[in-house]
Amino acid sequence: MNLEDEIIRAGKAKEVLTHEMFKEAVATVENVYLAAIRGAGFTDCATREKFALRYACLHDVLTALRSVLETGEMAQEQMSLLQRAKKVVGL
């Protein structure tokens, strides 16, 4: 994937991560999962594990989006450096 594509993807990831409805949905789901984990009985390992796995998957999605965002930010910096280098060289 080229730098421009990475920058575009980063913009889309940022839109998702900063969208109020997305943030609200993540917080709601996260709270439900944590409440289920806390509310599971001491011997109810299956329920705790089920909701712990769901919680981990939710955070895997967030991590993937943040990774796309960070990659795009690095691509933007690379593109800026390349443009400055071209000006110095005279291209």
N, C-alpha and C. Protein backbone atom coordinates (compact mmCIF):
# COMPACT_ATOMS: atom_id res chain seq x y z
N MET A 1 0.85 -1.17 0.00
CA MET A 1 0.00 0.00 0.00
C MET A 1 0.90 1.24 0.00
N ASN A 2 0.51 2.24 -0.77
CA ASN A 2 1.35 3.43 -0.84
C ASN A 2 1.00 4.41 0.28
N LEU A 3 1.83 5.45 0.41
CA LEU A 3 1.67 6.42 1.48
C LEU A 3 0.31 7.11 1.44
N GLU A 4 -0.13 7.45 0.26
CA GLU A 4 -1.42 8.15 0.13
C GLU A 4 -2.58 7.27 0.62
N ASP A 5 -2.52 5.99 0.29
CA ASP A 5 -3.57 5.07 0.74
C ASP A 5 -3.56 4.96 2.27
N GLU A 6 -2.37 4.89 2.84
CA GLU A 6 -2.26 4.80 4.30
C GLU A 6 -2.83 6.05 4.98
N ILE A 7 -2.59 7.20 4.37
CA ILE A 7 -3.10 8.46 4.92
C ILE A 7 -4.62 8.49 4.84
N ILE A 8 -5.17 8.04 3.74
CA ILE A 8 -6.63 7.99 3.58
C ILE A 8 -7.25 7.04 4.60
N ARG A 9 -6.64 5.86 4.75
CA ARG A 9 -7.14 4.90 5.74
C ARG A 9 -7.08 5.47 7.15
N ALA A 10 -6.02 6.21 7.44
CA ALA A 10 -5.88 6.82 8.77
C ALA A 10 -7.01 7.81 9.02
N GLY A 11 -7.35 8.58 8.00
CA GLY A 11 -8.45 9.53 8.14
C GLY A 11 -9.76 8.84 8.45
N LYS A 12 -9.99 7.72 7.79
CA LYS A 12 -11.22 6.97 8.03
C LYS A 12 -11.22 6.36 9.43
N ALA A 13 -10.07 5.84 9.86
CA ALA A 13 -9.96 5.28 11.20
C ALA A 13 -10.20 6.36 12.25
N LYS A 14 -9.66 7.55 12.00
CA LYS A 14 -9.85 8.65 12.94
C LYS A 14 -11.32 9.04 13.02
N GLU A 15 -12.00 9.06 11.87
CA GLU A 15 -13.43 9.36 11.86
C GLU A 15 -14.20 8.38 12.75
N VAL A 16 -13.86 7.12 12.63
CA VAL A 16 -14.55 6.10 13.43
C VAL A 16 -14.23 6.30 14.91
N LEU A 17 -12.95 6.40 15.23
CA LEU A 17 -12.54 6.49 16.63
C LEU A 17 -13.05 7.74 17.34
N THR A 18 -13.23 8.81 16.60
CA THR A 18 -13.66 10.06 17.23
C THR A 18 -15.17 10.30 17.12
N HIS A 19 -15.87 9.43 16.42
CA HIS A 19 -17.32 9.59 16.26
C HIS A 19 -18.00 9.34 17.61
N GLU A 20 -18.86 10.27 18.00
CA GLU A 20 -19.51 10.19 19.30
C GLU A 20 -20.34 8.91 19.48
N MET A 21 -21.04 8.50 18.45
CA MET A 21 -21.86 7.28 18.57
C MET A 21 -20.98 6.05 18.73
N PHE A 22 -19.84 6.03 18.04
CA PHE A 22 -18.93 4.89 18.19
C PHE A 22 -18.37 4.86 19.61
N LYS A 23 -17.92 6.00 20.11
CA LYS A 23 -17.38 6.06 21.46
C LYS A 23 -18.43 5.65 22.49
N GLU A 24 -19.66 6.10 22.28
CA GLU A 24 -20.75 5.73 23.19
C GLU A 24 -21.03 4.23 23.14
N ALA A 25 -21.06 3.68 21.94
CA ALA A 25 -21.31 2.24 21.79
C ALA A 25 -20.21 1.41 22.44
N VAL A 26 -18.95 1.81 22.24
CA VAL A 26 -17.83 1.08 22.84
C VAL A 26 -17.94 1.14 24.36
N ALA A 27 -18.22 2.31 24.90
CA ALA A 27 -18.33 2.46 26.36
C ALA A 27 -19.47 1.61 26.91
N THR A 28 -20.59 1.59 26.21
CA THR A 28 -21.74 0.80 26.65
C THR A 28 -21.42 -0.69 26.66
N VAL A 29 -20.87 -1.16 25.55
CA VAL A 29 -20.53 -2.58 25.44
C VAL A 29 -19.47 -2.95 26.48
N GLU A 30 -18.47 -2.11 26.61
CA GLU A 30 -17.41 -2.36 27.59
C GLU A 30 -17.99 -2.47 29.01
N ASN A 31 -18.88 -1.56 29.36
CA ASN A 31 -19.49 -1.59 30.69
C ASN A 31 -20.33 -2.83 30.91
N VAL A 32 -21.04 -3.26 29.87
CA VAL A 32 -21.84 -4.49 29.97
C VAL A 32 -20.93 -5.69 30.22
N TYR A 33 -19.85 -5.77 29.46
CA TYR A 33 -18.93 -6.90 29.62
C TYR A 33 -18.29 -6.90 31.00
N LEU A 34 -17.84 -5.74 31.45
CA LEU A 34 -17.20 -5.67 32.77
C LEU A 34 -18.19 -6.00 33.89
N ALA A 35 -19.43 -5.52 33.76
CA ALA A 35 -20.44 -5.83 34.76
C ALA A 35 -20.72 -7.34 34.79
N ALA A 36 -20.75 -7.97 33.62
CA ALA A 36 -20.99 -9.41 33.56
C ALA A 36 -19.83 -10.18 34.20
N ILE A 37 -18.62 -9.72 33.96
CA ILE A 37 -17.45 -10.37 34.56
C ILE A 37 -17.50 -10.23 36.08
N ARG A 38 -17.78 -9.01 36.54
CA ARG A 38 -17.84 -8.77 37.99
C ARG A 38 -19.01 -9.49 38.64
N GLY A 39 -20.11 -9.61 37.90
CA GLY A 39 -21.30 -10.22 38.46
C GLY A 39 -21.32 -11.73 38.42
N ALA A 40 -20.39 -12.31 37.70
CA ALA A 40 -20.34 -13.77 37.62
C ALA A 40 -19.99 -14.34 38.98
N GLY A 41 -20.65 -15.40 39.31
CA GLY A 41 -20.37 -16.05 40.59
C GLY A 41 -18.94 -16.56 40.65
N PHE A 42 -18.48 -16.77 41.87
CA PHE A 42 -17.11 -17.21 42.08
C PHE A 42 -16.79 -18.49 41.31
N THR A 43 -17.74 -19.37 41.21
CA THR A 43 -17.49 -20.65 40.53
C THR A 43 -17.92 -20.64 39.06
N ASP A 44 -18.44 -19.50 38.58
CA ASP A 44 -18.93 -19.41 37.20
C ASP A 44 -17.81 -18.97 36.25
N CYS A 45 -16.84 -19.83 36.10
CA CYS A 45 -15.68 -19.52 35.24
C CYS A 45 -16.09 -19.36 33.78
N ALA A 46 -17.06 -20.12 33.34
CA ALA A 46 -17.46 -20.07 31.93
C ALA A 46 -17.99 -18.68 31.57
N THR A 47 -18.81 -18.10 32.42
CA THR A 47 -19.35 -16.77 32.15
C THR A 47 -18.24 -15.73 32.16
N ARG A 48 -17.38 -15.79 33.18
CA ARG A 48 -16.27 -14.82 33.24
C ARG A 48 -15.38 -14.92 32.02
N GLU A 49 -15.06 -16.13 31.61
CA GLU A 49 -14.20 -16.32 30.43
C GLU A 49 -14.88 -15.84 29.16
N LYS A 50 -16.18 -16.10 29.03
CA LYS A 50 -16.92 -15.68 27.84
C LYS A 50 -16.89 -14.16 27.71
N PHE A 51 -17.16 -13.46 28.80
CA PHE A 51 -17.20 -12.01 28.73
C PHE A 51 -15.79 -11.40 28.70
N ALA A 52 -14.83 -12.07 29.29
CA ALA A 52 -13.45 -11.60 29.19
C ALA A 52 -12.96 -11.69 27.75
N LEU A 53 -13.35 -12.75 27.06
CA LEU A 53 -12.98 -12.91 25.65
C LEU A 53 -13.65 -11.84 24.79
N ARG A 54 -14.92 -11.56 25.06
CA ARG A 54 -15.62 -10.52 24.31
C ARG A 54 -14.97 -9.15 24.56
N TYR A 55 -14.61 -8.90 25.81
CA TYR A 55 -13.94 -7.65 26.17
C TYR A 55 -12.62 -7.52 25.41
N ALA A 56 -11.86 -8.62 25.38
CA ALA A 56 -10.58 -8.62 24.66
C ALA A 56 -10.79 -8.39 23.16
N CYS A 57 -11.82 -8.99 22.59
CA CYS A 57 -12.12 -8.79 21.15
C CYS A 57 -12.48 -7.34 20.86
N LEU A 58 -13.26 -6.73 21.74
CA LEU A 58 -13.61 -5.33 21.58
C LEU A 58 -12.34 -4.47 21.54
N HIS A 59 -11.41 -4.77 22.44
CA HIS A 59 -10.18 -4.00 22.48
C HIS A 59 -9.24 -4.34 21.32
N ASP A 60 -9.37 -5.53 20.77
CA ASP A 60 -8.61 -5.87 19.56
C ASP A 60 -9.06 -5.00 18.39
N VAL A 61 -10.36 -4.76 18.29
CA VAL A 61 -10.88 -3.89 17.23
C VAL A 61 -10.35 -2.47 17.42
N LEU A 62 -10.40 -1.97 18.66
CA LEU A 62 -9.88 -0.62 18.93
C LEU A 62 -8.39 -0.52 18.62
N THR A 63 -7.65 -1.55 18.97
CA THR A 63 -6.21 -1.58 18.70
C THR A 63 -5.94 -1.57 17.20
N ALA A 64 -6.74 -2.32 16.45
CA ALA A 64 -6.56 -2.36 15.00
C ALA A 64 -6.82 -0.98 14.39
N LEU A 65 -7.87 -0.32 14.84
CA LEU A 65 -8.17 1.02 14.33
C LEU A 65 -7.07 2.01 14.69
N ARG A 66 -6.58 1.94 15.92
CA ARG A 66 -5.50 2.84 16.35
C ARG A 66 -4.22 2.58 15.56
N SER A 67 -3.99 1.32 15.23
CA SER A 67 -2.81 0.97 14.44
C SER A 67 -2.89 1.57 13.04
N VAL A 68 -4.06 1.52 12.42
CA VAL A 68 -4.25 2.13 11.10
C VAL A 68 -4.02 3.64 11.19
N LEU A 69 -4.53 4.24 12.25
CA LEU A 69 -4.35 5.68 12.46
C LEU A 69 -2.87 6.03 12.61
N GLU A 70 -2.16 5.29 13.44
CA GLU A 70 -0.74 5.56 13.66
C GLU A 70 0.08 5.32 12.39
N THR A 71 -0.25 4.29 11.64
CA THR A 71 0.45 4.02 10.39
C THR A 71 0.25 5.17 9.41
N GLY A 72 -0.96 5.68 9.34
CA GLY A 72 -1.24 6.82 8.48
C GLY A 72 -0.51 8.08 8.92
N GLU A 73 -0.40 8.27 10.23
CA GLU A 73 0.34 9.43 10.72
C GLU A 73 1.82 9.32 10.35
N MET A 74 2.37 8.12 10.44
CA MET A 74 3.76 7.92 10.03
C MET A 74 3.91 8.12 8.53
N ALA A 75 2.93 7.66 7.76
CA ALA A 75 2.96 7.85 6.30
C ALA A 75 2.92 9.34 5.97
N GLN A 76 2.12 10.09 6.70
CA GLN A 76 2.03 11.54 6.48
C GLN A 76 3.39 12.20 6.75
N GLU A 77 4.04 11.76 7.81
CA GLU A 77 5.36 12.31 8.13
C GLU A 77 6.37 11.95 7.05
N GLN A 78 6.33 10.70 6.58
CA GLN A 78 7.23 10.29 5.49
C GLN A 78 6.99 11.11 4.24
N MET A 79 5.73 11.34 3.92
CA MET A 79 5.40 12.11 2.73
C MET A 79 5.92 13.55 2.88
N SER A 80 5.78 14.12 4.05
CA SER A 80 6.28 15.47 4.29
C SER A 80 7.80 15.53 4.14
N LEU A 81 8.47 14.52 4.67
CA LEU A 81 9.93 14.47 4.55
C LEU A 81 10.36 14.32 3.09
N LEU A 82 9.65 13.49 2.35
CA LEU A 82 9.98 13.31 0.93
C LEU A 82 9.77 14.60 0.15
N GLN A 83 8.70 15.32 0.45
CA GLN A 83 8.44 16.58 -0.24
C GLN A 83 9.52 17.62 0.09
N ARG A 84 9.94 17.65 1.35
CA ARG A 84 11.01 18.60 1.72
C ARG A 84 12.33 18.22 1.05
N ALA A 85 12.60 16.91 0.97
CA ALA A 85 13.83 16.45 0.33
C ALA A 85 13.82 16.80 -1.15
N LYS A 86 12.67 16.68 -1.80
CA LYS A 86 12.58 17.03 -3.22
C LYS A 86 12.83 18.52 -3.43
N LYS A 87 12.37 19.35 -2.51
CA LYS A 87 12.61 20.79 -2.62
C LYS A 87 14.09 21.10 -2.47
N VAL A 88 14.74 20.41 -1.56
CA VAL A 88 16.17 20.65 -1.34
C VAL A 88 16.97 20.22 -2.56
N VAL A 89 16.61 19.09 -3.13
CA VAL A 89 17.32 18.56 -4.29
C VAL A 89 16.93 19.32 -5.55
N GLY A 90 15.77 19.93 -5.53
CA GLY A 90 15.34 20.70 -6.68
C GLY A 90 14.49 19.95 -7.66
N LEU A 91 13.79 18.93 -7.20
CA LEU A 91 12.93 18.14 -8.10
C LEU A 91 11.53 18.68 -8.15
